[in-house]
Protein backbone atom coordinates (compact mmCIF):
# COMPACT_ATOMS: atom_id res chain seq x y z
CA MET A 1 -4.54 3.82 26.15
CA HIS A 2 -6.16 2.09 23.18
CA SER A 3 -5.09 2.97 19.91
CA MET A 4 -8.01 2.91 17.11
CA PHE A 5 -6.29 1.77 14.31
CA ARG A 6 -4.59 -2.18 15.62
CA TYR A 7 -3.01 -3.15 12.24
CA ASP A 8 -0.65 -6.53 13.94
CA ASP A 9 -2.79 -8.48 12.69
CA TYR A 10 -2.89 -7.46 9.13
CA ARG A 11 -0.63 -8.47 6.16
CA ILE A 12 -0.05 -5.54 3.80
CA LEU A 13 0.24 -5.46 -0.05
CA LEU A 14 2.26 -2.53 -1.41
CA SER A 15 1.21 -1.44 -4.91
CA CYS A 16 4.03 -1.73 -7.28
CA GLY A 17 4.03 1.24 -9.84
CA ALA A 18 1.82 4.16 -9.91
CA THR A 19 -1.84 4.79 -8.74
CA ASP A 20 -3.81 8.17 -9.75
CA MET A 21 -4.58 9.26 -6.24
CA ARG A 22 -7.22 10.98 -7.70
CA LYS A 23 -9.18 7.50 -6.76
CA SER A 24 -10.61 7.11 -3.42
CA ILE A 25 -12.60 4.09 -1.54
CA ASN A 26 -14.21 2.76 -5.14
CA GLY A 27 -11.43 3.00 -8.05
CA LEU A 28 -8.76 1.61 -5.09
CA CYS A 29 -11.67 -1.49 -4.51
CA ASP A 30 -11.92 -1.73 -8.30
CA LEU A 31 -7.77 -2.23 -8.35
CA VAL A 32 -7.59 -3.62 -5.91
CA GLN A 33 -10.70 -6.59 -6.95
CA PHE A 34 -9.39 -6.70 -10.80
CA LYS A 35 -5.96 -6.41 -11.01
CA PHE A 36 -4.81 -8.17 -7.74
CA GLN A 37 -7.54 -10.21 -8.29
CA LEU A 38 -8.19 -9.88 -4.75
CA ASP A 39 -10.82 -9.16 -2.33
CA PRO A 40 -10.58 -6.06 -0.80
CA ARG A 41 -12.41 -6.22 3.07
CA GLU A 42 -9.79 -9.20 3.97
CA ARG A 43 -7.27 -8.21 6.90
CA VAL A 44 -4.69 -6.27 4.53
CA ILE A 45 -3.24 -3.06 4.24
CA PHE A 46 -3.54 -2.23 -0.02
CA VAL A 47 -0.60 0.79 -0.13
CA PHE A 48 -0.25 3.17 -3.47
CA CYS A 49 1.97 5.29 -4.63
CA ASN A 50 1.38 8.64 -6.59
CA ARG A 51 3.42 8.38 -10.87
CA ALA A 52 5.32 11.93 -8.20
CA ARG A 53 6.44 9.17 -5.33
CA ASN A 54 5.18 12.31 -2.61
CA ARG A 55 1.79 10.57 -2.13
CA MET A 56 0.84 7.79 -0.60
CA LYS A 57 -2.88 5.66 0.34
CA MET A 58 -3.61 3.36 1.87
CA LEU A 59 -6.58 1.35 1.65
CA VAL A 60 -8.41 -0.22 5.12
CA TRP A 61 -10.80 -2.38 5.37
CA GLU A 62 -11.97 -3.22 8.71
CA ASP A 63 -15.10 -4.19 10.49
CA ASN A 64 -17.88 -2.87 8.70
CA GLY A 65 -16.08 0.19 6.15
CA PHE A 66 -13.12 1.36 4.95
CA TRP A 67 -10.50 3.52 6.21
CA ILE A 68 -8.65 5.69 3.81
CA HIS A 69 -4.72 7.06 4.95
CA PHE A 70 -3.18 9.25 2.84
CA LYS A 71 -0.12 11.37 3.31
CA ARG A 72 1.68 13.78 1.39
CA PHE A 73 5.33 13.66 1.79
CA GLU A 74 6.70 17.61 1.87
CA LYS A 75 10.38 17.19 1.32
CA GLY A 76 11.70 13.73 -0.28
CA ARG A 77 10.28 11.04 -2.49
CA ILE A 78 9.90 7.76 -1.77
CA ASP A 79 12.21 5.58 -3.98
CA TRP A 80 9.12 2.89 -5.03
CA PRO A 81 8.87 -0.14 -6.77
CA SER A 82 8.49 -0.44 -10.47
CA GLU A 83 5.96 -2.83 -11.17
CA THR A 84 7.07 -5.26 -14.16
CA ASP A 85 5.07 -8.13 -15.91
CA ASP A 86 5.66 -10.56 -12.72
CA GLN A 87 5.24 -8.45 -9.59
CA ASN A 88 2.30 -5.44 -9.58
CA THR A 89 2.54 -6.31 -5.80
CA MET A 90 4.52 -6.97 -3.07
CA GLN A 91 4.30 -7.53 0.94
CA LEU A 92 5.73 -6.01 3.74
CA LYS A 93 6.33 -5.71 7.02
CA LEU A 94 4.48 -3.65 9.98
CA GLU A 95 8.06 -2.29 10.67
CA GLU A 96 8.43 -1.65 6.69
CA LEU A 97 5.77 0.12 6.07
CA ASN A 98 6.21 1.87 9.36
CA GLY A 99 9.86 3.02 8.26
CA LEU A 100 8.11 4.02 4.35
CA ILE A 101 5.60 6.24 5.79
CA LYS A 102 8.02 7.20 8.40
CA SER A 103 10.65 9.40 6.20
CA PRO A 104 10.88 9.12 2.35
CA GLY A 105 12.88 5.89 0.84
CA ILE A 106 11.42 2.30 0.37
CA ARG A 107 14.71 0.16 -1.10
CA GLN A 108 16.93 0.40 1.46
CA LYS A 109 13.78 -1.16 3.73
CA ILE A 110 12.37 -2.86 2.34
CA LYS A 111 14.11 -6.78 1.25
CA ARG A 112 11.59 -7.96 -2.07
CA ASP A 113 11.92 -11.83 -0.56
CA GLU A 114 8.17 -12.00 0.15
CA VAL A 115 6.27 -10.56 -4.13
CA TRP A 116 2.39 -11.78 -5.33
CA LYS A 117 2.03 -12.13 -8.51
CA ASN A 118 -0.92 -11.81 -10.68
CA ASN A 119 -1.76 -14.49 -12.39
């Protein structure tokens, strides 16, 4: 069976701190371009979380357009990393992202060994 979403060869970058979930594609692309200084059309899954830590969005460029994946957690909250002066994104592995999507609780799922800094 062919899966519509094939992201095995994508990098995954989590946006530390809270993101306004009212932002749609254009607003999230602006964050990626100006806050992270990256092109949102790269092969990267950009992951965002709201202040209450019960909603998550992923922005993904695929072929000729953007996807936004959205999840609202009905129970629990995501233990999401805060933004600091030297850390505004964190790189994840696909297994870590899958674990995050399936159940809230990011700290036990992520190792902070790869951190992307805003220069």
